[in-house]
């Protein structure tokens, strides 16, 4: 099962894309209520992770079909699953992982066009599938790609106006996802688009390396904390 630190890197990158997914900030956007505490929780602060769970559960008590609360609640369950797996406690980790996936999937079913739901779910599944057996990983990887594809489609009318960092994170996720799925042609198209449309994203060196070698470089561990201040 995946390492929590690599999930953290993916979700921080995903949140960077999400942060610019709308034309303008809206008051009380749900991810603003949980994001900082979520990242702190992923870094090991259980008190702040519990704050995320509490915020989500209060929202869900008022509206059991609140999609953003559902997706973040599911993501928190997967963080706890990763923590359990790291301790060798699969008996605790597996139910948490399954519950988290179920909650995130239900959230997308309710809000299939909301980047605030699509991107967190896709990001978690991209990373969670890295260490899974291929047969189990494949459908989750394909589902994560579909989430990012839909997020890109929804953002299409305003995508050109987004910052390079936001564009680069989403395009890199798609390119790497298709590369892992074995579709080099689609991966190449997204890497080429990243280089052309987001040259200052910080991902162009990785894109060029893939273009030269066909291998996506390993994540550097850099985070996107600065995007969320």
C-alpha atoms as a PDB file:
ATOM      1  CA  UNK A   1       0.000   0.000   0.000  1.00  0.00           C
ATOM      2  CA  UNK A   2       1.109   3.525  -0.761  1.00  0.00           C
ATOM      3  CA  UNK A   3       3.329   5.639   1.457  1.00  0.00           C
ATOM      4  CA  UNK A   4       1.597   8.553   3.149  1.00  0.00           C
ATOM      5  CA  UNK A   5       4.309  11.027   2.209  1.00  0.00           C
ATOM      6  CA  UNK A   6       3.850  10.403  -1.496  1.00  0.00           C
ATOM      7  CA  UNK A   7       0.081  10.729  -1.142  1.00  0.00           C
ATOM      8  CA  UNK A   8       0.741  14.081   0.548  1.00  0.00           C
ATOM      9  CA  UNK A   9       2.786  15.298  -2.408  1.00  0.00           C
ATOM     10  CA  UNK A  10       0.064  14.272  -4.859  1.00  0.00           C
ATOM     11  CA  UNK A  11      -2.748  15.862  -2.902  1.00  0.00           C
ATOM     12  CA  UNK A  12      -0.856  19.096  -2.433  1.00  0.00           C
ATOM     13  CA  UNK A  13      -0.278  19.215  -6.167  1.00  0.00           C
ATOM     14  CA  UNK A  14      -3.937  18.447  -6.760  1.00  0.00           C
ATOM     15  CA  UNK A  15      -4.992  21.225  -4.439  1.00  0.00           C
ATOM     16  CA  UNK A  16      -2.792  23.621  -6.391  1.00  0.00           C
ATOM     17  CA  UNK A  17      -4.792  22.808  -9.499  1.00  0.00           C
ATOM     18  CA  UNK A  18      -8.033  23.037  -7.567  1.00  0.00           C
ATOM     19  CA  UNK A  19      -7.101  26.400  -6.079  1.00  0.00           C
ATOM     20  CA  UNK A  20      -7.358  27.998  -9.517  1.00  0.00           C
ATOM     21  CA  UNK A  21     -10.186  25.861 -10.859  1.00  0.00           C
ATOM     22  CA  UNK A  22     -12.792  28.606 -10.618  1.00  0.00           C
ATOM     23  CA  UNK A  23     -12.968  32.066 -12.132  1.00  0.00           C
ATOM     24  CA  UNK A  24     -12.753  33.810  -8.752  1.00  0.00           C
ATOM     25  CA  UNK A  25     -12.599  32.799  -5.089  1.00  0.00           C
ATOM     26  CA  UNK A  26     -15.996  32.202  -3.547  1.00  0.00           C
ATOM     27  CA  UNK A  27     -16.794  32.774   0.130  1.00  0.00           C
ATOM     28  CA  UNK A  28     -16.628  29.632   2.245  1.00  0.00           C
ATOM     29  CA  UNK A  29     -15.445  27.366  -0.522  1.00  0.00           C
ATOM     30  CA  UNK A  30     -15.370  24.020   1.228  1.00  0.00           C
ATOM     31  CA  UNK A  31     -11.772  23.144   0.485  1.00  0.00           C
ATOM     32  CA  UNK A  32     -10.722  26.379   2.200  1.00  0.00           C
ATOM     33  CA  UNK A  33     -12.327  25.066   5.390  1.00  0.00           C
ATOM     34  CA  UNK A  34     -10.333  21.831   5.475  1.00  0.00           C
ATOM     35  CA  UNK A  35      -7.273  22.026   3.258  1.00  0.00           C
ATOM     36  CA  UNK A  36      -4.662  23.410   5.665  1.00  0.00           C
ATOM     37  CA  UNK A  37      -5.719  21.072   8.446  1.00  0.00           C
ATOM     38  CA  UNK A  38      -5.818  18.161   6.022  1.00  0.00           C
ATOM     39  CA  UNK A  39      -2.220  18.708   4.931  1.00  0.00           C
ATOM     40  CA  UNK A  40      -1.108  19.060   8.540  1.00  0.00           C
ATOM     41  CA  UNK A  41      -2.934  15.847   9.338  1.00  0.00           C
ATOM     42  CA  UNK A  42      -1.229  14.044   6.504  1.00  0.00           C
ATOM     43  CA  UNK A  43       2.091  15.224   7.869  1.00  0.00           C
ATOM     44  CA  UNK A  44       1.266  13.509  11.162  1.00  0.00           C
ATOM     45  CA  UNK A  45      -0.846  15.950  13.172  1.00  0.00           C
ATOM     46  CA  UNK A  46      -3.744  13.734  14.199  1.00  0.00           C
ATOM     47  CA  UNK A  47      -5.511  16.568  16.017  1.00  0.00           C
ATOM     48  CA  UNK A  48      -5.755  18.604  12.836  1.00  0.00           C
ATOM     49  CA  UNK A  49      -6.773  15.587  10.759  1.00  0.00           C
ATOM     50  CA  UNK A  50      -9.584  15.015  13.245  1.00  0.00           C
ATOM     51  CA  UNK A  51     -10.608  18.658  12.732  1.00  0.00           C
ATOM     52  CA  UNK A  52     -11.060  17.862   9.032  1.00  0.00           C
ATOM     53  CA  UNK A  53     -13.199  14.858   9.875  1.00  0.00           C
ATOM     54  CA  UNK A  54     -15.260  16.951  12.294  1.00  0.00           C
ATOM     55  CA  UNK A  55     -15.848  19.730   9.732  1.00  0.00           C
ATOM     56  CA  UNK A  56     -16.899  17.155   7.138  1.00  0.00           C
ATOM     57  CA  UNK A  57     -19.191  15.337   9.535  1.00  0.00           C
ATOM     58  CA  UNK A  58     -20.890  18.564  10.606  1.00  0.00           C
ATOM     59  CA  UNK A  59     -21.535  19.401   6.966  1.00  0.00           C
ATOM     60  CA  UNK A  60     -22.793  15.896   6.301  1.00  0.00           C
ATOM     61  CA  UNK A  61     -25.113  16.064   9.312  1.00  0.00           C
ATOM     62  CA  UNK A  62     -26.782  19.068   7.673  1.00  0.00           C
ATOM     63  CA  UNK A  63     -26.656  17.585   4.183  1.00  0.00           C
ATOM     64  CA  UNK A  64     -25.794  13.863   3.879  1.00  0.00           C
ATOM     65  CA  UNK A  65     -25.227  14.381   0.151  1.00  0.00           C
ATOM     66  CA  UNK A  66     -22.676  17.220   0.444  1.00  0.00           C
ATOM     67  CA  UNK A  67     -20.202  16.071  -2.234  1.00  0.00           C
ATOM     68  CA  UNK A  68     -17.151  18.064  -1.156  1.00  0.00           C
ATOM     69  CA  UNK A  69     -17.567  17.010   2.474  1.00  0.00           C
ATOM     70  CA  UNK A  70     -17.886  13.431   1.268  1.00  0.00           C
ATOM     71  CA  UNK A  71     -14.738  13.508  -0.854  1.00  0.00           C
ATOM     72  CA  UNK A  72     -12.584  15.074   1.861  1.00  0.00           C
ATOM     73  CA  UNK A  73     -14.023  12.733   4.495  1.00  0.00           C
ATOM     74  CA  UNK A  74     -13.126   9.826   2.249  1.00  0.00           C
ATOM     75  CA  UNK A  75      -9.658  11.235   1.668  1.00  0.00           C
ATOM     76  CA  UNK A  76      -9.139  11.488   5.440  1.00  0.00           C
ATOM     77  CA  UNK A  77     -10.106   7.825   5.762  1.00  0.00           C
ATOM     78  CA  UNK A  78      -7.458   6.937   3.197  1.00  0.00           C
ATOM     79  CA  UNK A  79      -4.859   8.941   5.118  1.00  0.00           C
ATOM     80  CA  UNK A  80      -5.687   6.875   8.179  1.00  0.00           C
ATOM     81  CA  UNK A  81      -5.581   3.725   6.088  1.00  0.00           C
ATOM     82  CA  UNK A  82      -2.089   4.660   4.906  1.00  0.00           C
ATOM     83  CA  UNK A  83      -1.021   5.242   8.491  1.00  0.00           C
ATOM     84  CA  UNK A  84      -2.334   1.818   9.474  1.00  0.00           C
ATOM     85  CA  UNK A  85      -0.601   0.123   6.548  1.00  0.00           C
ATOM     86  CA  UNK A  86       2.671   1.783   7.497  1.00  0.00           C
ATOM     87  CA  UNK A  87       2.359   0.175  10.921  1.00  0.00           C
ATOM     88  CA  UNK A  88       1.675  -3.202   9.333  1.00  0.00           C
ATOM     89  CA  UNK A  89      -1.949  -3.193  10.492  1.00  0.00           C
ATOM     90  CA  UNK A  90      -3.754  -4.314   7.344  1.00  0.00           C
ATOM     91  CA  UNK A  91      -6.773  -5.416   9.378  1.00  0.00           C
ATOM     92  CA  UNK A  92      -7.382  -1.765  10.286  1.00  0.00           C
ATOM     93  CA  UNK A  93      -6.099  -0.265   7.043  1.00  0.00           C
ATOM     94  CA  UNK A  94      -8.107  -2.201   4.489  1.00  0.00           C
ATOM     95  CA  UNK A  95     -11.597  -1.274   5.761  1.00  0.00           C
ATOM     96  CA  UNK A  96     -10.532   2.370   6.035  1.00  0.00           C
ATOM     97  CA  UNK A  97      -9.188   2.308   2.487  1.00  0.00           C
ATOM     98  CA  UNK A  98     -12.345   0.703   1.113  1.00  0.00           C
ATOM     99  CA  UNK A  99     -14.556   3.149   2.995  1.00  0.00           C
ATOM    100  CA  UNK A 100     -12.548   6.083   1.718  1.00  0.00           C
ATOM    101  CA  UNK A 101     -12.795   4.952  -1.899  1.00  0.00           C
ATOM    102  CA  UNK A 102     -16.529   4.335  -1.522  1.00  0.00           C
ATOM    103  CA  UNK A 103     -17.138   7.807  -0.076  1.00  0.00           C
ATOM    104  CA  UNK A 104     -15.088   9.560  -2.745  1.00  0.00           C
ATOM    105  CA  UNK A 105     -16.805   7.601  -5.515  1.00  0.00           C
ATOM    106  CA  UNK A 106     -20.222   8.482  -4.124  1.00  0.00           C
ATOM    107  CA  UNK A 107     -19.210  12.142  -4.040  1.00  0.00           C
ATOM    108  CA  UNK A 108     -18.341  12.101  -7.760  1.00  0.00           C
ATOM    109  CA  UNK A 109     -21.642  10.393  -8.530  1.00  0.00           C
ATOM    110  CA  UNK A 110     -23.444  13.309  -6.857  1.00  0.00           C
ATOM    111  CA  UNK A 111     -21.290  16.069  -8.404  1.00  0.00           C
ATOM    112  CA  UNK A 112     -19.712  14.680 -11.593  1.00  0.00           C
ATOM    113  CA  UNK A 113     -18.791  18.121 -12.940  1.00  0.00           C
ATOM    114  CA  UNK A 114     -17.292  19.676  -9.806  1.00  0.00           C
ATOM    115  CA  UNK A 115     -13.476  20.022  -9.936  1.00  0.00           C
ATOM    116  CA  UNK A 116     -13.537  20.365  -6.156  1.00  0.00           C
ATOM    117  CA  UNK A 117     -14.645  16.747  -6.032  1.00  0.00           C
ATOM    118  CA  UNK A 118     -13.011  15.322  -9.152  1.00  0.00           C
ATOM    119  CA  UNK A 119      -9.467  16.494  -8.451  1.00  0.00           C
ATOM    120  CA  UNK A 120      -9.093  15.289  -4.847  1.00  0.00           C
ATOM    121  CA  UNK A 121     -10.500  11.878  -5.715  1.00  0.00           C
ATOM    122  CA  UNK A 122      -8.336  11.498  -8.791  1.00  0.00           C
ATOM    123  CA  UNK A 123      -5.203  12.585  -6.935  1.00  0.00           C
ATOM    124  CA  UNK A 124      -5.690  10.084  -4.128  1.00  0.00           C
ATOM    125  CA  UNK A 125      -6.329   7.222  -6.525  1.00  0.00           C
ATOM    126  CA  UNK A 126      -3.372   8.103  -8.746  1.00  0.00           C
ATOM    127  CA  UNK A 127      -1.059   7.644  -5.794  1.00  0.00           C
ATOM    128  CA  UNK A 128      -2.883   4.808  -4.076  1.00  0.00           C
ATOM    129  CA  UNK A 129      -2.579   2.607  -7.162  1.00  0.00           C
ATOM    130  CA  UNK A 130       1.203   2.841  -7.381  1.00  0.00           C
ATOM    131  CA  UNK A 131       1.919  -0.105  -5.103  1.00  0.00           C
ATOM    132  CA  UNK A 132      -1.203  -2.153  -5.799  1.00  0.00           C
ATOM    133  CA  UNK A 133      -1.227  -5.363  -7.861  1.00  0.00           C
ATOM    134  CA  UNK A 134      -1.839  -4.477 -11.524  1.00  0.00           C
ATOM    135  CA  UNK A 135      -5.219  -6.176 -11.701  1.00  0.00           C
ATOM    136  CA  UNK A 136      -6.545  -4.207  -8.745  1.00  0.00           C
ATOM    137  CA  UNK A 137      -4.803  -0.997  -9.708  1.00  0.00           C
ATOM    138  CA  UNK A 138      -5.966  -0.767 -13.316  1.00  0.00           C
ATOM    139  CA  UNK A 139      -9.643   0.136 -12.813  1.00  0.00           C
ATOM    140  CA  UNK A 140      -8.773   2.676 -10.109  1.00  0.00           C
ATOM    141  CA  UNK A 141      -6.070   4.230 -12.281  1.00  0.00           C
ATOM    142  CA  UNK A 142      -8.483   4.511 -15.202  1.00  0.00           C
ATOM    143  CA  UNK A 143     -11.082   6.062 -12.905  1.00  0.00           C
ATOM    144  CA  UNK A 144      -8.550   8.619 -11.657  1.00  0.00           C
ATOM    145  CA  UNK A 145      -7.648   9.530 -15.234  1.00  0.00           C
ATOM    146  CA  UNK A 146     -11.345   9.966 -16.018  1.00  0.00           C
ATOM    147  CA  UNK A 147     -11.699  12.328 -13.044  1.00  0.00           C
ATOM    148  CA  UNK A 148      -8.834  14.495 -14.284  1.00  0.00           C
ATOM    149  CA  UNK A 149     -10.084  14.392 -17.880  1.00  0.00           C
ATOM    150  CA  UNK A 150     -13.474  15.614 -16.742  1.00  0.00           C
ATOM    151  CA  UNK A 151     -11.932  18.322 -14.558  1.00  0.00           C
ATOM    152  CA  UNK A 152      -9.963  19.548 -17.569  1.00  0.00           C
ATOM    153  CA  UNK A 153     -13.084  19.517 -19.732  1.00  0.00           C
ATOM    154  CA  UNK A 154     -15.095  21.466 -17.159  1.00  0.00           C
ATOM    155  CA  UNK A 155     -12.329  24.056 -16.867  1.00  0.00           C
ATOM    156  CA  UNK A 156     -11.949  24.266 -20.644  1.00  0.00           C
ATOM    157  CA  UNK A 157     -13.557  27.697 -21.153  1.00  0.00           C
ATOM    158  CA  UNK A 158     -11.244  29.343 -18.601  1.00  0.00           C
ATOM    159  CA  UNK A 159      -8.236  27.018 -18.737  1.00  0.00           C
ATOM    160  CA  UNK A 160      -6.068  29.385 -20.759  1.00  0.00           C
ATOM    161  CA  UNK A 161      -6.473  32.062 -18.074  1.00  0.00           C
ATOM    162  CA  UNK A 162      -5.214  29.825 -15.270  1.00  0.00           C
ATOM    163  CA  UNK A 163      -1.699  30.172 -13.929  1.00  0.00           C
ATOM    164  CA  UNK A 164       1.037  27.945 -15.314  1.00  0.00           C
ATOM    165  CA  UNK A 165       1.345  26.072 -12.047  1.00  0.00           C
ATOM    166  CA  UNK A 166      -2.325  25.102 -11.945  1.00  0.00           C
ATOM    167  CA  UNK A 167      -2.310  24.113 -15.616  1.00  0.00           C
ATOM    168  CA  UNK A 168       0.920  22.186 -15.254  1.00  0.00           C
ATOM    169  CA  UNK A 169      -0.243  20.119 -12.289  1.00  0.00           C
ATOM    170  CA  UNK A 170      -3.400  18.979 -14.042  1.00  0.00           C
ATOM    171  CA  UNK A 171      -1.712  18.296 -17.384  1.00  0.00           C
ATOM    172  CA  UNK A 172       1.189  16.482 -15.738  1.00  0.00           C
ATOM    173  CA  UNK A 173      -1.231  14.297 -13.787  1.00  0.00           C
ATOM    174  CA  UNK A 174      -2.996  13.334 -16.989  1.00  0.00           C
ATOM    175  CA  UNK A 175       0.238  12.727 -18.867  1.00  0.00           C
ATOM    176  CA  UNK A 176       1.682  10.531 -16.141  1.00  0.00           C
ATOM    177  CA  UNK A 177      -1.619   8.723 -15.699  1.00  0.00           C
ATOM    178  CA  UNK A 178      -1.825   7.807 -19.361  1.00  0.00           C
ATOM    179  CA  UNK A 179       1.834   6.791 -19.351  1.00  0.00           C
ATOM    180  CA  UNK A 180       1.208   4.436 -16.451  1.00  0.00           C
ATOM    181  CA  UNK A 181      -1.883   3.116 -18.220  1.00  0.00           C
ATOM    182  CA  UNK A 182       0.253   2.212 -21.244  1.00  0.00           C
ATOM    183  CA  UNK A 183      -1.047   4.801 -23.709  1.00  0.00           C
ATOM    184  CA  UNK A 184       2.137   6.568 -24.791  1.00  0.00           C
ATOM    185  CA  UNK A 185       0.375   8.565 -27.502  1.00  0.00           C
ATOM    186  CA  UNK A 186      -2.018  10.223 -25.065  1.00  0.00           C
ATOM    187  CA  UNK A 187       0.776  10.739 -22.562  1.00  0.00           C
ATOM    188  CA  UNK A 188       2.875  12.458 -25.209  1.00  0.00           C
ATOM    189  CA  UNK A 189       0.027  14.752 -26.225  1.00  0.00           C
ATOM    190  CA  UNK A 190      -0.431  15.934 -22.651  1.00  0.00           C
ATOM    191  CA  UNK A 191       3.309  16.362 -22.085  1.00  0.00           C
ATOM    192  CA  UNK A 192       3.527  18.398 -25.300  1.00  0.00           C
ATOM    193  CA  UNK A 193       0.568  20.472 -24.204  1.00  0.00           C
ATOM    194  CA  UNK A 194       2.180  21.039 -20.792  1.00  0.00           C
ATOM    195  CA  UNK A 195       5.385  22.307 -22.408  1.00  0.00           C
ATOM    196  CA  UNK A 196       3.460  24.602 -24.751  1.00  0.00           C
ATOM    197  CA  UNK A 197       0.797  25.919 -22.377  1.00  0.00           C
ATOM    198  CA  UNK A 198       2.478  25.877 -18.965  1.00  0.00           C
ATOM    199  CA  UNK A 199       6.183  26.506 -19.553  1.00  0.00           C
ATOM    200  CA  UNK A 200       6.672  28.057 -16.120  1.00  0.00           C
ATOM    201  CA  UNK A 201       4.826  25.319 -14.247  1.00  0.00           C
ATOM    202  CA  UNK A 202       7.899  23.613 -12.846  1.00  0.00           C
ATOM    203  CA  UNK A 203       6.943  20.387 -14.626  1.00  0.00           C
ATOM    204  CA  UNK A 204       8.496  21.014 -18.030  1.00  0.00           C
ATOM    205  CA  UNK A 205      11.809  19.345 -17.175  1.00  0.00           C
ATOM    206  CA  UNK A 206       9.988  16.158 -16.235  1.00  0.00           C
ATOM    207  CA  UNK A 207       7.900  16.377 -19.384  1.00  0.00           C
ATOM    208  CA  UNK A 208      10.996  16.732 -21.551  1.00  0.00           C
ATOM    209  CA  UNK A 209      12.669  13.831 -19.769  1.00  0.00           C
ATOM    210  CA  UNK A 210       9.681  11.628 -20.543  1.00  0.00           C
ATOM    211  CA  UNK A 211       9.748  12.766 -24.163  1.00  0.00           C
ATOM    212  CA  UNK A 212      13.403  11.688 -24.339  1.00  0.00           C
ATOM    213  CA  UNK A 213      13.215   8.439 -22.367  1.00  0.00           C
ATOM    214  CA  UNK A 214       9.581   7.363 -22.145  1.00  0.00           C
ATOM    215  CA  UNK A 215       9.959   7.206 -18.357  1.00  0.00           C
ATOM    216  CA  UNK A 216       8.291   9.639 -15.986  1.00  0.00           C
ATOM    217  CA  UNK A 217      10.823  10.892 -13.429  1.00  0.00           C
ATOM    218  CA  UNK A 218      10.102  10.136  -9.799  1.00  0.00           C
ATOM    219  CA  UNK A 219       8.461  12.884  -7.784  1.00  0.00           C
ATOM    220  CA  UNK A 220      10.934  15.220  -6.184  1.00  0.00           C
ATOM    221  CA  UNK A 221       8.918  15.543  -3.006  1.00  0.00           C
ATOM    222  CA  UNK A 222       8.342  19.262  -3.571  1.00  0.00           C
ATOM    223  CA  UNK A 223       5.047  20.505  -2.232  1.00  0.00           C
ATOM    224  CA  UNK A 224       2.655  23.293  -3.112  1.00  0.00           C
ATOM    225  CA  UNK A 225       2.267  24.840   0.320  1.00  0.00           C
ATOM    226  CA  UNK A 226       2.923  28.308  -1.037  1.00  0.00           C
ATOM    227  CA  UNK A 227      -0.152  28.121  -3.248  1.00  0.00           C
ATOM    228  CA  UNK A 228      -2.462  27.937  -0.263  1.00  0.00           C
ATOM    229  CA  UNK A 229      -1.445  30.889   1.873  1.00  0.00           C
END
